[in-house]
Amino acid sequence: MTTPFASQLVDEFGAQLRAQRQQLIATVRERLHQGDDPQQLALANFFEEGGDQAEASMENEANLAQLSHELAELRSIDAALGRIAAGNYGSCANCGALIGTERLRAQPGARMCLPCQEEAEQHPNRQHLKAR
């Protein structure tokens, strides 16, 4: 399958995705290497910093939630780069329609057109991706 967009536009989205990926990787690395030893992966020990267990627990939960969000975003970017490589970037994973340039400019990792995305958000328990 060939991509529905001109090569120049796909290159633009690919460059944007690669830049976002590099920034996200740097952010995740910074979050994971908060200790003094750059060889050791660790989240900050908020209990040692403040001594309040409840506050430390909230800080740790927030930090883990942020890390989880960043890793999900990284998976989305990698999937979009995979669609570029496969030649089907810009086609809705649900209905096959064009996703739309404006939507991809705002959300280059988008895998569904706006109507399908809205439907998926309104009915999160419904299976949306059609078998291909």
N, C-alpha and C. Protein backbone atom coordinates (compact mmCIF):
# COMPACT_ATOMS: atom_id res chain seq x y z
N MET A 1 0.84 -1.18 0.00
CA MET A 1 0.00 0.00 0.00
C MET A 1 0.89 1.24 0.00
N THR A 2 0.53 2.23 -0.78
CA THR A 2 1.30 3.46 -0.81
C THR A 2 0.59 4.49 0.04
N THR A 3 1.37 5.40 0.56
CA THR A 3 0.81 6.42 1.42
C THR A 3 -0.08 7.36 0.61
N PRO A 4 -1.17 7.85 1.22
CA PRO A 4 -2.08 8.73 0.48
C PRO A 4 -1.57 10.16 0.36
N PHE A 5 -0.45 10.47 1.00
CA PHE A 5 0.08 11.82 0.97
C PHE A 5 1.32 11.92 0.09
N ALA A 6 1.61 13.11 -0.36
CA ALA A 6 2.81 13.35 -1.15
C ALA A 6 4.03 13.04 -0.30
N SER A 7 5.07 12.61 -0.96
CA SER A 7 6.31 12.23 -0.28
C SER A 7 6.85 13.36 0.60
N GLN A 8 6.77 14.59 0.12
CA GLN A 8 7.27 15.73 0.88
C GLN A 8 6.52 15.89 2.20
N LEU A 9 5.20 15.70 2.16
CA LEU A 9 4.39 15.83 3.36
C LEU A 9 4.70 14.69 4.34
N VAL A 10 4.86 13.49 3.84
CA VAL A 10 5.22 12.35 4.69
C VAL A 10 6.59 12.58 5.31
N ASP A 11 7.52 13.12 4.54
CA ASP A 11 8.84 13.44 5.08
C ASP A 11 8.74 14.47 6.20
N GLU A 12 7.87 15.47 6.02
CA GLU A 12 7.67 16.50 7.04
C GLU A 12 7.13 15.88 8.33
N PHE A 13 6.11 15.03 8.20
CA PHE A 13 5.54 14.39 9.38
C PHE A 13 6.56 13.45 10.02
N GLY A 14 7.32 12.74 9.21
CA GLY A 14 8.34 11.85 9.73
C GLY A 14 9.40 12.61 10.52
N ALA A 15 9.83 13.74 10.00
CA ALA A 15 10.83 14.56 10.70
C ALA A 15 10.26 15.07 12.02
N GLN A 16 9.01 15.49 12.00
CA GLN A 16 8.36 15.97 13.23
C GLN A 16 8.26 14.84 14.25
N LEU A 17 7.88 13.65 13.81
CA LEU A 17 7.78 12.51 14.72
C LEU A 17 9.14 12.12 15.28
N ARG A 18 10.17 12.12 14.45
CA ARG A 18 11.51 11.77 14.93
C ARG A 18 12.01 12.80 15.95
N ALA A 19 11.72 14.07 15.71
CA ALA A 19 12.13 15.12 16.66
C ALA A 19 11.39 14.95 17.98
N GLN A 20 10.09 14.68 17.91
CA GLN A 20 9.31 14.46 19.13
C GLN A 20 9.84 13.24 19.87
N ARG A 21 10.20 12.21 19.13
CA ARG A 21 10.73 10.98 19.74
C ARG A 21 12.03 11.26 20.49
N GLN A 22 12.93 12.00 19.86
CA GLN A 22 14.20 12.31 20.51
C GLN A 22 13.99 13.14 21.78
N GLN A 23 13.09 14.12 21.72
CA GLN A 23 12.80 14.95 22.89
C GLN A 23 12.19 14.10 24.00
N LEU A 24 11.29 13.23 23.64
CA LEU A 24 10.63 12.37 24.62
C LEU A 24 11.62 11.41 25.27
N ILE A 25 12.51 10.84 24.48
CA ILE A 25 13.53 9.94 25.02
C ILE A 25 14.42 10.70 26.01
N ALA A 26 14.79 11.92 25.66
CA ALA A 26 15.61 12.73 26.57
C ALA A 26 14.87 13.01 27.87
N THR A 27 13.58 13.30 27.78
CA THR A 27 12.77 13.56 28.97
C THR A 27 12.67 12.32 29.85
N VAL A 28 12.44 11.17 29.24
CA VAL A 28 12.33 9.92 29.99
C VAL A 28 13.67 9.58 30.65
N ARG A 29 14.74 9.74 29.91
CA ARG A 29 16.07 9.48 30.49
C ARG A 29 16.33 10.38 31.69
N GLU A 30 15.99 11.65 31.56
CA GLU A 30 16.18 12.58 32.66
C GLU A 30 15.36 12.16 33.87
N ARG A 31 14.13 11.74 33.62
CA ARG A 31 13.25 11.31 34.71
C ARG A 31 13.80 10.06 35.39
N LEU A 32 14.37 9.15 34.61
CA LEU A 32 14.87 7.89 35.16
C LEU A 32 16.25 7.99 35.79
N HIS A 33 17.01 8.99 35.42
CA HIS A 33 18.37 9.15 35.94
C HIS A 33 18.44 10.32 36.92
N GLN A 34 17.52 10.35 37.85
CA GLN A 34 17.48 11.47 38.78
C GLN A 34 18.47 11.32 39.93
N GLY A 35 19.10 10.16 40.05
CA GLY A 35 20.09 9.97 41.10
C GLY A 35 21.44 10.52 40.68
N ASP A 36 22.43 10.37 41.55
CA ASP A 36 23.77 10.88 41.27
C ASP A 36 24.55 9.97 40.32
N ASP A 37 24.19 8.69 40.26
CA ASP A 37 24.91 7.73 39.43
C ASP A 37 24.20 7.58 38.09
N PRO A 38 24.80 8.10 36.99
CA PRO A 38 24.13 8.02 35.70
C PRO A 38 23.99 6.59 35.17
N GLN A 39 24.72 5.64 35.75
CA GLN A 39 24.62 4.24 35.34
C GLN A 39 23.43 3.53 35.98
N GLN A 40 22.87 4.13 37.00
CA GLN A 40 21.79 3.49 37.74
C GLN A 40 20.47 4.18 37.42
N LEU A 41 19.49 3.38 37.02
CA LEU A 41 18.17 3.92 36.76
C LEU A 41 17.40 4.01 38.06
N ALA A 42 16.84 5.15 38.33
CA ALA A 42 16.05 5.31 39.55
C ALA A 42 15.19 6.55 39.45
N LEU A 43 14.00 6.45 39.99
CA LEU A 43 13.16 7.62 40.14
C LEU A 43 13.60 8.32 41.41
N ALA A 44 13.25 9.57 41.52
CA ALA A 44 13.64 10.32 42.72
C ALA A 44 13.03 9.68 43.96
N ASN A 45 13.77 9.71 45.04
CA ASN A 45 13.28 9.21 46.32
C ASN A 45 12.71 10.41 47.08
N PHE A 46 11.43 10.65 46.90
CA PHE A 46 10.80 11.82 47.49
C PHE A 46 10.71 11.71 49.01
N PHE A 47 10.69 10.48 49.54
CA PHE A 47 10.66 10.32 51.00
C PHE A 47 11.95 10.83 51.63
N GLU A 48 13.08 10.50 51.01
CA GLU A 48 14.37 10.98 51.53
C GLU A 48 14.45 12.49 51.47
N GLU A 49 13.87 13.08 50.42
CA GLU A 49 13.96 14.52 50.25
C GLU A 49 13.10 15.28 51.25
N GLY A 50 11.90 14.76 51.55
CA GLY A 50 11.00 15.53 52.40
C GLY A 50 10.66 14.88 53.72
N GLY A 51 10.78 13.58 53.82
CA GLY A 51 10.49 12.89 55.06
C GLY A 51 9.02 12.65 55.34
N ASP A 52 8.13 13.14 54.51
CA ASP A 52 6.69 12.96 54.69
C ASP A 52 6.24 11.82 53.78
N GLN A 53 5.84 10.70 54.38
CA GLN A 53 5.51 9.51 53.59
C GLN A 53 4.31 9.74 52.67
N ALA A 54 3.28 10.40 53.15
CA ALA A 54 2.09 10.65 52.32
C ALA A 54 2.44 11.54 51.12
N GLU A 55 3.20 12.58 51.39
CA GLU A 55 3.61 13.47 50.30
C GLU A 55 4.53 12.75 49.32
N ALA A 56 5.45 11.94 49.85
CA ALA A 56 6.37 11.18 49.00
C ALA A 56 5.60 10.21 48.13
N SER A 57 4.58 9.58 48.69
CA SER A 57 3.77 8.64 47.93
C SER A 57 3.03 9.34 46.79
N MET A 58 2.48 10.50 47.07
CA MET A 58 1.79 11.27 46.02
C MET A 58 2.77 11.70 44.94
N GLU A 59 3.95 12.15 45.32
CA GLU A 59 4.97 12.57 44.34
C GLU A 59 5.39 11.38 43.48
N ASN A 60 5.60 10.21 44.12
CA ASN A 60 5.99 9.02 43.37
C ASN A 60 4.90 8.59 42.40
N GLU A 61 3.64 8.62 42.85
CA GLU A 61 2.53 8.26 41.97
C GLU A 61 2.43 9.21 40.79
N ALA A 62 2.60 10.49 41.04
CA ALA A 62 2.55 11.48 39.96
C ALA A 62 3.70 11.26 38.99
N ASN A 63 4.88 10.97 39.52
CA ASN A 63 6.04 10.74 38.68
C ASN A 63 5.86 9.49 37.81
N LEU A 64 5.33 8.42 38.42
CA LEU A 64 5.08 7.19 37.67
C LEU A 64 3.99 7.39 36.62
N ALA A 65 2.95 8.16 36.95
CA ALA A 65 1.89 8.44 35.99
C ALA A 65 2.44 9.22 34.79
N GLN A 66 3.29 10.19 35.07
CA GLN A 66 3.89 10.98 33.99
C GLN A 66 4.78 10.09 33.12
N LEU A 67 5.56 9.24 33.74
CA LEU A 67 6.41 8.31 33.01
C LEU A 67 5.58 7.37 32.14
N SER A 68 4.50 6.87 32.68
CA SER A 68 3.60 5.99 31.93
C SER A 68 3.03 6.71 30.71
N HIS A 69 2.63 7.97 30.90
CA HIS A 69 2.09 8.77 29.80
C HIS A 69 3.16 8.98 28.72
N GLU A 70 4.38 9.28 29.14
CA GLU A 70 5.47 9.51 28.19
C GLU A 70 5.80 8.25 27.41
N LEU A 71 5.78 7.11 28.08
CA LEU A 71 6.06 5.85 27.38
C LEU A 71 4.95 5.49 26.41
N ALA A 72 3.71 5.78 26.76
CA ALA A 72 2.59 5.55 25.83
C ALA A 72 2.72 6.45 24.61
N GLU A 73 3.12 7.69 24.83
CA GLU A 73 3.34 8.61 23.72
C GLU A 73 4.48 8.13 22.82
N LEU A 74 5.52 7.60 23.43
CA LEU A 74 6.64 7.06 22.66
C LEU A 74 6.19 5.88 21.81
N ARG A 75 5.35 5.00 22.37
CA ARG A 75 4.82 3.86 21.59
C ARG A 75 3.98 4.36 20.41
N SER A 76 3.20 5.42 20.63
CA SER A 76 2.38 5.99 19.57
C SER A 76 3.25 6.55 18.45
N ILE A 77 4.31 7.24 18.82
CA ILE A 77 5.23 7.80 17.82
C ILE A 77 5.91 6.68 17.04
N ASP A 78 6.37 5.65 17.74
CA ASP A 78 7.01 4.53 17.06
C ASP A 78 6.04 3.83 16.10
N ALA A 79 4.78 3.71 16.51
CA ALA A 79 3.77 3.10 15.63
C ALA A 79 3.56 3.96 14.38
N ALA A 80 3.52 5.29 14.55
CA ALA A 80 3.35 6.18 13.40
C ALA A 80 4.54 6.08 12.47
N LEU A 81 5.75 6.01 13.01
CA LEU A 81 6.94 5.85 12.17
C LEU A 81 6.89 4.51 11.44
N GLY A 82 6.34 3.50 12.09
CA GLY A 82 6.15 2.20 11.44
C GLY A 82 5.16 2.29 10.29
N ARG A 83 4.10 3.07 10.46
CA ARG A 83 3.13 3.25 9.37
C ARG A 83 3.77 4.00 8.20
N ILE A 84 4.64 4.94 8.51
CA ILE A 84 5.36 5.65 7.43
C ILE A 84 6.21 4.64 6.66
N ALA A 85 6.95 3.82 7.39
CA ALA A 85 7.82 2.83 6.75
C ALA A 85 7.01 1.82 5.93
N ALA A 86 5.81 1.48 6.42
CA ALA A 86 4.96 0.51 5.73
C ALA A 86 4.21 1.13 4.55
N GLY A 87 4.20 2.46 4.49
CA GLY A 87 3.54 3.14 3.38
C GLY A 87 2.05 3.36 3.58
N ASN A 88 1.55 3.20 4.80
CA ASN A 88 0.12 3.44 5.01
C ASN A 88 -0.15 4.56 6.01
N TYR A 89 0.81 5.43 6.20
CA TYR A 89 0.64 6.57 7.09
C TYR A 89 -0.41 7.51 6.49
N GLY A 90 -1.32 7.98 7.33
CA GLY A 90 -2.33 8.93 6.88
C GLY A 90 -3.66 8.30 6.57
N SER A 91 -3.74 6.97 6.61
CA SER A 91 -5.00 6.27 6.41
C SER A 91 -5.57 5.86 7.76
N CYS A 92 -6.84 6.06 7.96
CA CYS A 92 -7.50 5.71 9.22
C CYS A 92 -7.42 4.20 9.43
N ALA A 93 -6.99 3.80 10.62
CA ALA A 93 -6.88 2.39 10.95
C ALA A 93 -8.25 1.74 11.10
N ASN A 94 -9.30 2.54 11.22
CA ASN A 94 -10.65 2.00 11.39
C ASN A 94 -11.39 1.89 10.07
N CYS A 95 -11.49 3.01 9.34
CA CYS A 95 -12.33 3.01 8.14
C CYS A 95 -11.52 3.10 6.84
N GLY A 96 -10.24 3.41 6.94
CA GLY A 96 -9.39 3.49 5.76
C GLY A 96 -9.39 4.85 5.07
N ALA A 97 -10.23 5.78 5.54
CA ALA A 97 -10.28 7.12 4.94
C ALA A 97 -9.01 7.90 5.28
N LEU A 98 -8.79 8.98 4.53
CA LEU A 98 -7.67 9.85 4.86
C LEU A 98 -7.90 10.50 6.22
N ILE A 99 -6.87 10.58 7.00
CA ILE A 99 -6.97 11.19 8.32
C ILE A 99 -7.10 12.70 8.18
N GLY A 100 -6.42 13.29 7.27
CA GLY A 100 -6.51 14.73 7.07
C GLY A 100 -5.24 15.43 7.52
N THR A 101 -4.75 16.30 6.66
CA THR A 101 -3.49 16.98 6.91
C THR A 101 -3.52 17.82 8.18
N GLU A 102 -4.62 18.56 8.41
CA GLU A 102 -4.70 19.41 9.60
C GLU A 102 -4.63 18.58 10.87
N ARG A 103 -5.31 17.45 10.88
CA ARG A 103 -5.29 16.57 12.07
C ARG A 103 -3.89 16.03 12.28
N LEU A 104 -3.22 15.61 11.22
CA LEU A 104 -1.87 15.07 11.35
C LEU A 104 -0.87 16.14 11.75
N ARG A 105 -1.09 17.37 11.31
CA ARG A 105 -0.20 18.45 11.75
C ARG A 105 -0.33 18.66 13.26
N ALA A 106 -1.56 18.57 13.76
CA ALA A 106 -1.80 18.76 15.20
C ALA A 106 -1.40 17.52 16.00
N GLN A 107 -1.62 16.34 15.42
CA GLN A 107 -1.37 15.07 16.10
C GLN A 107 -0.74 14.11 15.10
N PRO A 108 0.56 14.24 14.85
CA PRO A 108 1.19 13.42 13.80
C PRO A 108 1.15 11.91 14.07
N GLY A 109 0.89 11.51 15.30
CA GLY A 109 0.78 10.09 15.62
C GLY A 109 -0.63 9.55 15.49
N ALA A 110 -1.57 10.39 15.05
CA ALA A 110 -2.97 9.96 14.95
C ALA A 110 -3.09 8.74 14.04
N ARG A 111 -3.90 7.78 14.48
CA ARG A 111 -4.09 6.58 13.68
C ARG A 111 -5.51 6.45 13.16
N MET A 112 -6.38 7.38 13.58
CA MET A 112 -7.77 7.36 13.10
C MET A 112 -8.18 8.75 12.64
N CYS A 113 -9.09 8.78 11.69
CA CYS A 113 -9.67 10.05 11.25
C CYS A 113 -10.49 10.61 12.41
N LEU A 114 -10.81 11.87 12.34
CA LEU A 114 -11.52 12.53 13.43
C LEU A 114 -12.87 11.88 13.75
N PRO A 115 -13.72 11.58 12.75
CA PRO A 115 -15.00 10.93 13.08
C PRO A 115 -14.82 9.59 13.81
N CYS A 116 -13.87 8.78 13.37
CA CYS A 116 -13.64 7.49 14.03
C CYS A 116 -13.06 7.69 15.42
N GLN A 117 -12.18 8.67 15.59
CA GLN A 117 -11.60 8.95 16.90
C GLN A 117 -12.69 9.42 17.87
N GLU A 118 -13.56 10.30 17.39
CA GLU A 118 -14.65 10.78 18.24
C GLU A 118 -15.57 9.63 18.65
N GLU A 119 -15.87 8.75 17.71
CA GLU A 119 -16.70 7.57 17.99
C GLU A 119 -16.03 6.68 19.04
N ALA A 120 -14.73 6.48 18.90
CA ALA A 120 -13.99 5.65 19.85
C ALA A 120 -13.99 6.27 21.24
N GLU A 121 -13.91 7.59 21.32
CA GLU A 121 -13.92 8.27 22.62
C GLU A 121 -15.30 8.26 23.25
N GLN A 122 -16.34 8.33 22.44
CA GLN A 122 -17.70 8.32 22.96
C GLN A 122 -18.11 6.93 23.44
N HIS A 123 -17.54 5.90 22.81
CA HIS A 123 -17.89 4.51 23.13
C HIS A 123 -16.61 3.72 23.36
N PRO A 124 -15.92 3.97 24.49
CA PRO A 124 -14.60 3.36 24.71
C PRO A 124 -14.62 1.84 24.85
N ASN A 125 -15.74 1.24 25.19
CA ASN A 125 -15.79 -0.22 25.35
C ASN A 125 -16.13 -0.96 24.06
N ARG A 126 -16.44 -0.23 23.02
CA ARG A 126 -16.81 -0.83 21.74
C ARG A 126 -15.55 -1.10 20.94
N GLN A 127 -15.51 -2.22 20.25
CA GLN A 127 -14.39 -2.55 19.37
C GLN A 127 -14.50 -1.66 18.13
N HIS A 128 -13.46 -0.85 17.87
CA HIS A 128 -13.53 0.11 16.78
C HIS A 128 -12.73 -0.28 15.57
N LEU A 129 -11.64 -0.94 15.76
CA LEU A 129 -10.80 -1.26 14.61
C LEU A 129 -11.41 -2.41 13.83
N LYS A 130 -11.69 -2.14 12.58
CA LYS A 130 -12.22 -3.18 11.71
C LYS A 130 -11.12 -4.14 11.34
N ALA A 131 -11.47 -5.40 11.20
CA ALA A 131 -10.47 -6.39 10.77
C ALA A 131 -10.13 -6.11 9.33
N ARG A 132 -8.85 -6.20 9.03
CA ARG A 132 -8.40 -5.94 7.65
C ARG A 132 -7.76 -7.17 7.11
